[in-house]
Amino acid sequence: MIAPKPKAPPRLVAIDMDGTLIDRGLVIHDPVKNAVAAAKAAGVEVVIVTGRMFQATRPFAAELHLEGPVVCYQGAAIYLLKTDERIAHTPLPRLVALDLIAEVKRDRVHPQLYIDDELYVEEVNKYTKIYTDVAKVDAIVVPSLADELRKGRETTKFVAVLERERAEAYIAKMKAYAGERAYVTRSNPEFVEAVDPGVNKGTALRFVANYLGIPLEETMAIGDAWNDVPMLSIAGYAVAMGTAPPEVTAEADAVVGDVAHYGVAEAIERFVLA
């Protein structure tokens, strides 16, 4: 079946990063760069929407010569690339973060916090390395994550890192434990992430579209993972990557190739430039 095209050419394209814009090699392929450049030349706003930290996102945005808004931390923080200004921030409630730290430590799972766009851990171990190898950031080691929060500091996001084969069962446990106190999701197979319950990639896309003065029906979102579902469900036109699980493709108007086959370029060429 041929996927229907958007009713009108999208004026804003929101693109997830890991598994969509880049693969584990952390490379943006030239056809994708060319398609993004062509979209920008046609007057289309291109916005990265990611669970990553801002400092782990900025280099890829620079490769694409983006200067507008960028959504980080699953939507809990939004920045302007041209000035590095944070224009929206919704930290995880402190008491919820403290509960999550205690719970995952009881389960002998590795916790991480994100304070002022820095990664905080209690030790550098194989789980820290899983994250830092992907994000290309350094970790700040402190004796106690809980004590950092008790000083009055705020964490934008909470992440538990564990083996991918354990993560699917563990996210179910964390969702049950957090309940309505946090939005719990996965971006990469090894990460179970929690942010404030009022934010996600969908609320972030709404904020950015309003900030840029573009109706949601004139947006297109491209994603591949569970955390992309809120963004795909709210966008005017939703595109899933070929590697997306069924829960993601169920929200999509179209499915394109995977990263290795330049799915983002395909989506832009088919549904924006055509």
C-alpha atoms as a PDB file:
ATOM      1  CA  MET A   1       0.000   0.000   0.000  1.00  0.00           C
ATOM      2  CA  ILE A   2       1.289   3.462  -0.900  1.00  0.00           C
ATOM      3  CA  ALA A   3       1.332   5.800   2.108  1.00  0.00           C
ATOM      4  CA  PRO A   4      -0.758   8.966   1.738  1.00  0.00           C
ATOM      5  CA  LYS A   5       1.183  12.192   1.480  1.00  0.00           C
ATOM      6  CA  PRO A   6       0.711  15.138   3.861  1.00  0.00           C
ATOM      7  CA  LYS A   7      -2.250  17.373   3.018  1.00  0.00           C
ATOM      8  CA  ALA A   8       0.179  20.296   2.738  1.00  0.00           C
ATOM      9  CA  PRO A   9       4.002  20.361   2.531  1.00  0.00           C
ATOM     10  CA  PRO A  10       5.331  20.401   6.117  1.00  0.00           C
ATOM     11  CA  ARG A  11       6.922  23.673   7.237  1.00  0.00           C
ATOM     12  CA  LEU A  12       8.610  22.083  10.260  1.00  0.00           C
ATOM     13  CA  VAL A  13      10.416  18.736  10.332  1.00  0.00           C
ATOM     14  CA  ALA A  14      11.152  17.271  13.783  1.00  0.00           C
ATOM     15  CA  ILE A  15      13.826  14.563  13.707  1.00  0.00           C
ATOM     16  CA  ASP A  16      14.821  12.141  16.448  1.00  0.00           C
ATOM     17  CA  MET A  17      18.556  11.492  16.740  1.00  0.00           C
ATOM     18  CA  ASP A  18      19.657   8.011  17.833  1.00  0.00           C
ATOM     19  CA  GLY A  19      18.386   5.368  15.451  1.00  0.00           C
ATOM     20  CA  THR A  20      16.949   8.022  13.143  1.00  0.00           C
ATOM     21  CA  LEU A  21      19.440  10.772  12.324  1.00  0.00           C
ATOM     22  CA  ILE A  22      22.480   8.747  13.461  1.00  0.00           C
ATOM     23  CA  ASP A  23      23.290   5.108  14.186  1.00  0.00           C
ATOM     24  CA  ARG A  24      25.687   3.617  16.734  1.00  0.00           C
ATOM     25  CA  GLY A  25      28.551   4.915  14.626  1.00  0.00           C
ATOM     26  CA  LEU A  26      27.357   8.470  15.447  1.00  0.00           C
ATOM     27  CA  VAL A  27      27.541   9.517  11.793  1.00  0.00           C
ATOM     28  CA  ILE A  28      25.107  11.681   9.826  1.00  0.00           C
ATOM     29  CA  HIS A  29      25.314  10.303   6.284  1.00  0.00           C
ATOM     30  CA  ASP A  30      25.799  12.721   3.389  1.00  0.00           C
ATOM     31  CA  PRO A  31      22.407  12.032   1.736  1.00  0.00           C
ATOM     32  CA  VAL A  32      20.744  13.024   5.016  1.00  0.00           C
ATOM     33  CA  LYS A  33      22.849  16.185   5.291  1.00  0.00           C
ATOM     34  CA  ASN A  34      21.951  17.067   1.710  1.00  0.00           C
ATOM     35  CA  ALA A  35      18.240  16.493   2.270  1.00  0.00           C
ATOM     36  CA  VAL A  36      18.237  18.643   5.418  1.00  0.00           C
ATOM     37  CA  ALA A  37      20.101  21.394   3.566  1.00  0.00           C
ATOM     38  CA  ALA A  38      17.562  21.238   0.734  1.00  0.00           C
ATOM     39  CA  ALA A  39      14.667  21.465   3.183  1.00  0.00           C
ATOM     40  CA  LYS A  40      16.235  24.478   4.885  1.00  0.00           C
ATOM     41  CA  ALA A  41      16.832  26.121   1.498  1.00  0.00           C
ATOM     42  CA  ALA A  42      13.128  25.638   0.781  1.00  0.00           C
ATOM     43  CA  GLY A  43      12.254  27.555   3.963  1.00  0.00           C
ATOM     44  CA  VAL A  44      11.456  24.518   6.117  1.00  0.00           C
ATOM     45  CA  GLU A  45      12.402  24.582   9.804  1.00  0.00           C
ATOM     46  CA  VAL A  46      14.401  21.510  10.861  1.00  0.00           C
ATOM     47  CA  VAL A  47      14.460  20.695  14.583  1.00  0.00           C
ATOM     48  CA  ILE A  48      16.243  17.868  16.405  1.00  0.00           C
ATOM     49  CA  VAL A  49      14.076  16.259  19.108  1.00  0.00           C
ATOM     50  CA  THR A  50      16.086  13.921  21.313  1.00  0.00           C
ATOM     51  CA  GLY A  51      16.477  12.388  24.733  1.00  0.00           C
ATOM     52  CA  ARG A  52      20.123  13.431  24.697  1.00  0.00           C
ATOM     53  CA  MET A  53      21.757  16.147  26.731  1.00  0.00           C
ATOM     54  CA  PHE A  54      22.257  19.502  25.034  1.00  0.00           C
ATOM     55  CA  GLN A  55      26.048  19.173  25.042  1.00  0.00           C
ATOM     56  CA  ALA A  56      25.681  15.746  23.397  1.00  0.00           C
ATOM     57  CA  THR A  57      23.322  17.151  20.743  1.00  0.00           C
ATOM     58  CA  ARG A  58      25.004  20.423  19.780  1.00  0.00           C
ATOM     59  CA  PRO A  59      27.809  18.876  17.629  1.00  0.00           C
ATOM     60  CA  PHE A  60      25.291  17.082  15.396  1.00  0.00           C
ATOM     61  CA  ALA A  61      23.125  20.196  15.099  1.00  0.00           C
ATOM     62  CA  ALA A  62      26.258  22.112  14.065  1.00  0.00           C
ATOM     63  CA  GLU A  63      26.939  19.513  11.336  1.00  0.00           C
ATOM     64  CA  LEU A  64      23.517  20.322   9.922  1.00  0.00           C
ATOM     65  CA  HIS A  65      24.032  24.086  10.362  1.00  0.00           C
ATOM     66  CA  LEU A  66      20.942  24.403  12.553  1.00  0.00           C
ATOM     67  CA  GLU A  67      20.496  27.566  14.617  1.00  0.00           C
ATOM     68  CA  GLY A  68      16.921  27.403  15.898  1.00  0.00           C
ATOM     69  CA  PRO A  69      15.315  25.437  18.733  1.00  0.00           C
ATOM     70  CA  VAL A  70      16.543  22.000  19.731  1.00  0.00           C
ATOM     71  CA  VAL A  71      14.620  19.680  22.052  1.00  0.00           C
ATOM     72  CA  CYS A  72      16.669  17.686  24.576  1.00  0.00           C
ATOM     73  CA  TYR A  73      16.008  15.372  27.540  1.00  0.00           C
ATOM     74  CA  GLN A  74      12.804  13.909  26.052  1.00  0.00           C
ATOM     75  CA  GLY A  75      11.335  17.410  25.971  1.00  0.00           C
ATOM     76  CA  ALA A  76      12.256  18.436  29.516  1.00  0.00           C
ATOM     77  CA  ALA A  77      14.661  21.105  28.199  1.00  0.00           C
ATOM     78  CA  ILE A  78      14.580  23.160  25.005  1.00  0.00           C
ATOM     79  CA  TYR A  79      17.480  25.332  23.843  1.00  0.00           C
ATOM     80  CA  LEU A  80      18.231  27.860  21.124  1.00  0.00           C
ATOM     81  CA  LEU A  81      21.268  26.701  19.178  1.00  0.00           C
ATOM     82  CA  LYS A  82      22.298  30.169  18.021  1.00  0.00           C
ATOM     83  CA  THR A  83      22.731  31.459  21.597  1.00  0.00           C
ATOM     84  CA  ASP A  84      22.834  28.251  23.747  1.00  0.00           C
ATOM     85  CA  GLU A  85      19.979  29.810  25.745  1.00  0.00           C
ATOM     86  CA  ARG A  86      17.630  27.408  27.511  1.00  0.00           C
ATOM     87  CA  ILE A  87      14.134  28.618  26.645  1.00  0.00           C
ATOM     88  CA  ALA A  88      12.132  25.938  28.477  1.00  0.00           C
ATOM     89  CA  HIS A  89      12.957  23.647  31.396  1.00  0.00           C
ATOM     90  CA  THR A  90      10.823  21.261  33.432  1.00  0.00           C
ATOM     91  CA  PRO A  91      12.985  19.341  35.920  1.00  0.00           C
ATOM     92  CA  LEU A  92      11.951  16.046  37.466  1.00  0.00           C
ATOM     93  CA  PRO A  93      10.401  16.726  40.916  1.00  0.00           C
ATOM     94  CA  ARG A  94      13.105  16.335  43.528  1.00  0.00           C
ATOM     95  CA  LEU A  95      11.213  13.888  45.758  1.00  0.00           C
ATOM     96  CA  VAL A  96      10.436  11.672  42.769  1.00  0.00           C
ATOM     97  CA  ALA A  97      14.094  11.659  41.740  1.00  0.00           C
ATOM     98  CA  LEU A  98      15.139  10.729  45.277  1.00  0.00           C
ATOM     99  CA  ASP A  99      12.661   7.830  45.285  1.00  0.00           C
ATOM    100  CA  LEU A 100      13.898   6.584  41.913  1.00  0.00           C
ATOM    101  CA  ILE A 101      17.537   6.692  43.038  1.00  0.00           C
ATOM    102  CA  ALA A 102      16.717   4.626  46.110  1.00  0.00           C
ATOM    103  CA  GLU A 103      14.598   2.150  44.174  1.00  0.00           C
ATOM    104  CA  VAL A 104      17.112   1.367  41.427  1.00  0.00           C
ATOM    105  CA  LYS A 105      19.940   1.084  43.940  1.00  0.00           C
ATOM    106  CA  ARG A 106      17.875  -1.479  45.859  1.00  0.00           C
ATOM    107  CA  ASP A 107      17.636  -3.355  42.562  1.00  0.00           C
ATOM    108  CA  ARG A 108      21.403  -2.999  42.022  1.00  0.00           C
ATOM    109  CA  VAL A 109      20.808  -0.966  38.865  1.00  0.00           C
ATOM    110  CA  HIS A 110      23.052   1.954  37.880  1.00  0.00           C
ATOM    111  CA  PRO A 111      21.430   5.446  38.300  1.00  0.00           C
ATOM    112  CA  GLN A 112      22.424   8.723  36.601  1.00  0.00           C
ATOM    113  CA  LEU A 113      21.328  12.352  37.016  1.00  0.00           C
ATOM    114  CA  TYR A 114      21.562  15.364  34.660  1.00  0.00           C
ATOM    115  CA  ILE A 115      22.154  18.632  36.485  1.00  0.00           C
ATOM    116  CA  ASP A 116      22.783  21.865  34.550  1.00  0.00           C
ATOM    117  CA  ASP A 117      23.476  19.795  31.418  1.00  0.00           C
ATOM    118  CA  GLU A 118      26.162  17.736  33.146  1.00  0.00           C
ATOM    119  CA  LEU A 119      26.097  13.970  33.746  1.00  0.00           C
ATOM    120  CA  TYR A 120      26.362  12.921  37.419  1.00  0.00           C
ATOM    121  CA  VAL A 121      27.132   9.398  38.660  1.00  0.00           C
ATOM    122  CA  GLU A 122      28.363   7.789  41.856  1.00  0.00           C
ATOM    123  CA  GLU A 123      30.965   5.683  40.086  1.00  0.00           C
ATOM    124  CA  VAL A 124      32.402   5.140  36.636  1.00  0.00           C
ATOM    125  CA  ASN A 125      31.670   1.572  35.587  1.00  0.00           C
ATOM    126  CA  LYS A 126      30.616  -0.409  32.525  1.00  0.00           C
ATOM    127  CA  TYR A 127      27.144   1.151  32.670  1.00  0.00           C
ATOM    128  CA  THR A 128      28.522   4.677  32.763  1.00  0.00           C
ATOM    129  CA  LYS A 129      30.632   3.751  29.743  1.00  0.00           C
ATOM    130  CA  ILE A 130      27.574   2.509  27.803  1.00  0.00           C
ATOM    131  CA  TYR A 131      26.155   6.026  28.137  1.00  0.00           C
ATOM    132  CA  THR A 132      29.319   8.079  27.688  1.00  0.00           C
ATOM    133  CA  ASP A 133      30.365   6.090  24.597  1.00  0.00           C
ATOM    134  CA  VAL A 134      27.066   7.023  22.952  1.00  0.00           C
ATOM    135  CA  ALA A 135      26.784  10.591  24.259  1.00  0.00           C
ATOM    136  CA  LYS A 136      30.499  11.481  24.057  1.00  0.00           C
ATOM    137  CA  VAL A 137      30.364  13.369  27.371  1.00  0.00           C
ATOM    138  CA  ASP A 138      32.361  13.088  30.588  1.00  0.00           C
ATOM    139  CA  ALA A 139      30.727  12.073  33.855  1.00  0.00           C
ATOM    140  CA  ILE A 140      31.044  13.985  37.119  1.00  0.00           C
ATOM    141  CA  VAL A 141      31.532  11.516  39.988  1.00  0.00           C
ATOM    142  CA  VAL A 142      30.014  12.413  43.370  1.00  0.00           C
ATOM    143  CA  PRO A 143      29.752  10.386  46.600  1.00  0.00           C
ATOM    144  CA  SER A 144      25.952  10.535  46.624  1.00  0.00           C
ATOM    145  CA  LEU A 145      23.442  11.485  43.927  1.00  0.00           C
ATOM    146  CA  ALA A 146      20.778  11.894  46.590  1.00  0.00           C
ATOM    147  CA  ASP A 147      22.940  14.371  48.497  1.00  0.00           C
ATOM    148  CA  GLU A 148      23.325  16.487  45.343  1.00  0.00           C
ATOM    149  CA  LEU A 149      19.552  16.835  45.208  1.00  0.00           C
ATOM    150  CA  ARG A 150      19.292  17.514  48.938  1.00  0.00           C
ATOM    151  CA  LYS A 151      21.523  20.537  48.376  1.00  0.00           C
ATOM    152  CA  GLY A 152      18.594  22.052  46.485  1.00  0.00           C
ATOM    153  CA  ARG A 153      19.808  21.084  43.011  1.00  0.00           C
ATOM    154  CA  GLU A 154      17.451  19.854  40.264  1.00  0.00           C
ATOM    155  CA  THR A 155      17.845  17.047  37.763  1.00  0.00           C
ATOM    156  CA  THR A 156      16.370  17.446  34.297  1.00  0.00           C
ATOM    157  CA  LYS A 157      16.195  13.693  33.782  1.00  0.00           C
ATOM    158  CA  PHE A 158      16.836  10.421  35.613  1.00  0.00           C
ATOM    159  CA  VAL A 159      18.291   7.400  33.815  1.00  0.00           C
ATOM    160  CA  ALA A 160      18.816   3.809  34.889  1.00  0.00           C
ATOM    161  CA  VAL A 161      21.349   1.946  32.727  1.00  0.00           C
ATOM    162  CA  LEU A 162      21.314  -1.827  32.460  1.00  0.00           C
ATOM    163  CA  GLU A 163      21.737  -4.642  29.981  1.00  0.00           C
ATOM    164  CA  ARG A 164      19.303  -4.381  27.067  1.00  0.00           C
ATOM    165  CA  GLU A 165      17.940  -7.878  27.714  1.00  0.00           C
ATOM    166  CA  ARG A 166      16.895  -6.758  31.225  1.00  0.00           C
ATOM    167  CA  ALA A 167      15.633  -3.314  30.266  1.00  0.00           C
ATOM    168  CA  GLU A 168      12.295  -4.368  28.754  1.00  0.00           C
ATOM    169  CA  ALA A 169      11.156  -5.985  31.992  1.00  0.00           C
ATOM    170  CA  TYR A 170      12.692  -3.252  34.112  1.00  0.00           C
ATOM    171  CA  ILE A 171      10.852  -0.417  32.381  1.00  0.00           C
ATOM    172  CA  ALA A 172       7.573  -2.121  33.256  1.00  0.00           C
ATOM    173  CA  LYS A 173       8.634  -2.201  36.885  1.00  0.00           C
ATOM    174  CA  MET A 174       9.732   1.454  36.836  1.00  0.00           C
ATOM    175  CA  LYS A 175       6.488   2.561  35.209  1.00  0.00           C
ATOM    176  CA  ALA A 176       4.530   0.779  37.911  1.00  0.00           C
ATOM    177  CA  TYR A 177       6.725   2.231  40.658  1.00  0.00           C
ATOM    178  CA  ALA A 178       6.643   5.811  39.370  1.00  0.00           C
ATOM    179  CA  GLY A 179       2.972   5.754  38.411  1.00  0.00           C
ATOM    180  CA  GLU A 180       1.767   9.228  37.491  1.00  0.00           C
ATOM    181  CA  ARG A 181       4.722  10.878  39.240  1.00  0.00           C
ATOM    182  CA  ALA A 182       7.007  10.604  36.168  1.00  0.00           C
ATOM    183  CA  TYR A 183       6.991   9.880  32.460  1.00  0.00           C
ATOM    184  CA  VAL A 184       9.091   6.723  32.055  1.00  0.00           C
ATOM    185  CA  THR A 185      10.331   5.693  28.611  1.00  0.00           C
ATOM    186  CA  ARG A 186      13.262   4.245  26.633  1.00  0.00           C
ATOM    187  CA  SER A 187      15.381   5.966  24.015  1.00  0.00           C
ATOM    188  CA  ASN A 188      18.129   3.361  23.593  1.00  0.00           C
ATOM    189  CA  PRO A 189      17.721  -0.324  24.496  1.00  0.00           C
ATOM    190  CA  GLU A 190      19.920  -0.002  27.615  1.00  0.00           C
ATOM    191  CA  PHE A 191      18.353   3.151  29.070  1.00  0.00           C
ATOM    192  CA  VAL A 192      15.233   3.464  31.236  1.00  0.00           C
ATOM    193  CA  GLU A 193      14.536   7.191  31.543  1.00  0.00           C
ATOM    194  CA  ALA A 194      12.251   9.327  33.697  1.00  0.00           C
ATOM    195  CA  VAL A 195      11.279  12.982  33.332  1.00  0.00           C
ATOM    196  CA  ASP A 196       8.519  15.172  34.695  1.00  0.00           C
ATOM    197  CA  PRO A 197       5.101  13.654  33.833  1.00  0.00           C
ATOM    198  CA  GLY A 198       4.035  16.846  32.073  1.00  0.00           C
ATOM    199  CA  VAL A 199       6.664  16.640  29.341  1.00  0.00           C
ATOM    200  CA  ASN A 200       7.509  14.357  26.444  1.00  0.00           C
ATOM    201  CA  LYS A 201       8.520  14.758  22.810  1.00  0.00           C
ATOM    202  CA  GLY A 202       4.931  15.539  21.899  1.00  0.00           C
ATOM    203  CA  THR A 203       4.566  18.448  24.324  1.00  0.00           C
ATOM    204  CA  ALA A 204       7.973  19.667  23.146  1.00  0.00           C
ATOM    205  CA  LEU A 205       6.929  19.591  19.485  1.00  0.00           C
ATOM    206  CA  ARG A 206       3.829  21.606  20.372  1.00  0.00           C
ATOM    207  CA  PHE A 207       6.002  24.168  22.203  1.00  0.00           C
ATOM    208  CA  VAL A 208       8.462  24.484  19.310  1.00  0.00           C
ATOM    209  CA  ALA A 209       5.732  24.748  16.676  1.00  0.00           C
ATOM    210  CA  ASN A 210       4.060  27.504  18.687  1.00  0.00           C
ATOM    211  CA  TYR A 211       7.425  29.224  19.252  1.00  0.00           C
ATOM    212  CA  LEU A 212       8.045  29.242  15.491  1.00  0.00           C
ATOM    213  CA  GLY A 213       4.469  30.177  14.632  1.00  0.00           C
ATOM    214  CA  ILE A 214       3.773  26.988  12.674  1.00  0.00           C
ATOM    215  CA  PRO A 215       0.500  25.033  13.068  1.00  0.00           C
ATOM    216  CA  LEU A 216       0.933  21.455  14.238  1.00  0.00           C
ATOM    217  CA  GLU A 217      -0.840  20.212  11.124  1.00  0.00           C
ATOM    218  CA  GLU A 218       2.066  21.634   9.100  1.00  0.00           C
ATOM    219  CA  THR A 219       4.687  19.591  10.975  1.00  0.00           C
ATOM    220  CA  MET A 220       6.285  16.254  10.188  1.00  0.00           C
ATOM    221  CA  ALA A 221       7.994  14.049  12.782  1.00  0.00           C
ATOM    222  CA  ILE A 222      10.464  11.226  12.113  1.00  0.00           C
ATOM    223  CA  GLY A 223      11.379   8.682  14.795  1.00  0.00           C
ATOM    224  CA  ASP A 224      12.232   5.087  15.562  1.00  0.00           C
ATOM    225  CA  ALA A 225      11.759   4.375  19.273  1.00  0.00           C
ATOM    226  CA  TRP A 226       9.210   4.234  22.064  1.00  0.00           C
ATOM    227  CA  ASN A 227       9.998   7.758  23.269  1.00  0.00           C
ATOM    228  CA  ASP A 228       9.070   9.079  19.806  1.00  0.00           C
ATOM    229  CA  VAL A 229       5.448   7.927  20.031  1.00  0.00           C
ATOM    230  CA  PRO A 230       4.124  11.149  21.689  1.00  0.00           C
ATOM    231  CA  MET A 231       5.806  13.211  18.957  1.00  0.00           C
ATOM    232  CA  LEU A 232       4.516  11.022  16.128  1.00  0.00           C
ATOM    233  CA  SER A 233       1.006  11.029  17.542  1.00  0.00           C
ATOM    234  CA  ILE A 234       0.779  14.827  17.669  1.00  0.00           C
ATOM    235  CA  ALA A 235       2.573  15.748  14.410  1.00  0.00           C
ATOM    236  CA  GLY A 236       0.632  16.617  11.298  1.00  0.00           C
ATOM    237  CA  TYR A 237       2.440  13.797   9.490  1.00  0.00           C
ATOM    238  CA  ALA A 238       4.262  10.941  11.202  1.00  0.00           C
ATOM    239  CA  VAL A 239       7.112   8.893   9.736  1.00  0.00           C
ATOM    240  CA  ALA A 240       8.665   5.809  11.364  1.00  0.00           C
ATOM    241  CA  MET A 241      12.067   4.413  10.520  1.00  0.00           C
ATOM    242  CA  GLY A 242      12.258   0.897   9.136  1.00  0.00           C
ATOM    243  CA  THR A 243      13.766  -0.426  12.372  1.00  0.00           C
ATOM    244  CA  ALA A 244      10.955   0.946  14.568  1.00  0.00           C
ATOM    245  CA  PRO A 245       9.038  -1.520  16.784  1.00  0.00           C
ATOM    246  CA  PRO A 246       5.317  -2.113  16.170  1.00  0.00           C
ATOM    247  CA  GLU A 247       4.253   0.356  18.867  1.00  0.00           C
ATOM    248  CA  VAL A 248       5.985   3.095  16.875  1.00  0.00           C
ATOM    249  CA  THR A 249       4.930   2.125  13.364  1.00  0.00           C
ATOM    250  CA  ALA A 250       1.329   1.969  14.616  1.00  0.00           C
ATOM    251  CA  GLU A 251       1.472   5.764  15.035  1.00  0.00           C
ATOM    252  CA  ALA A 252       3.038   6.396  11.616  1.00  0.00           C
ATOM    253  CA  ASP A 253       1.501   7.594   8.370  1.00  0.00           C
ATOM    254  CA  ALA A 254       4.502   6.189   6.502  1.00  0.00           C
ATOM    255  CA  VAL A 255       7.531   3.955   7.097  1.00  0.00           C
ATOM    256  CA  VAL A 256      10.895   4.683   5.460  1.00  0.00           C
ATOM    257  CA  GLY A 257      14.268   2.947   5.319  1.00  0.00           C
ATOM    258  CA  ASP A 258      16.554   2.523   8.294  1.00  0.00           C
ATOM    259  CA  VAL A 259      19.567   4.707   9.098  1.00  0.00           C
ATOM    260  CA  ALA A 260      21.850   2.708   6.824  1.00  0.00           C
ATOM    261  CA  HIS A 261      19.431   3.335   3.960  1.00  0.00           C
ATOM    262  CA  TYR A 262      19.073   7.077   4.696  1.00  0.00           C
ATOM    263  CA  GLY A 263      15.497   6.963   5.958  1.00  0.00           C
ATOM    264  CA  VAL A 264      15.498  10.639   6.991  1.00  0.00           C
ATOM    265  CA  ALA A 265      16.576  11.689   3.504  1.00  0.00           C
ATOM    266  CA  GLU A 266      13.851   9.488   2.018  1.00  0.00           C
ATOM    267  CA  ALA A 267      11.209  11.066   4.252  1.00  0.00           C
ATOM    268  CA  ILE A 268      12.267  14.618   3.412  1.00  0.00           C
ATOM    269  CA  GLU A 269      12.488  13.943  -0.302  1.00  0.00           C
ATOM    270  CA  ARG A 270       9.135  12.121  -0.474  1.00  0.00           C
ATOM    271  CA  PHE A 271       7.011  14.160   1.874  1.00  0.00           C
ATOM    272  CA  VAL A 272       8.611  17.640   2.065  1.00  0.00           C
ATOM    273  CA  LEU A 273      10.480  18.427  -1.138  1.00  0.00           C
ATOM    274  CA  ALA A 274       8.276  16.473  -3.548  1.00  0.00           C
END
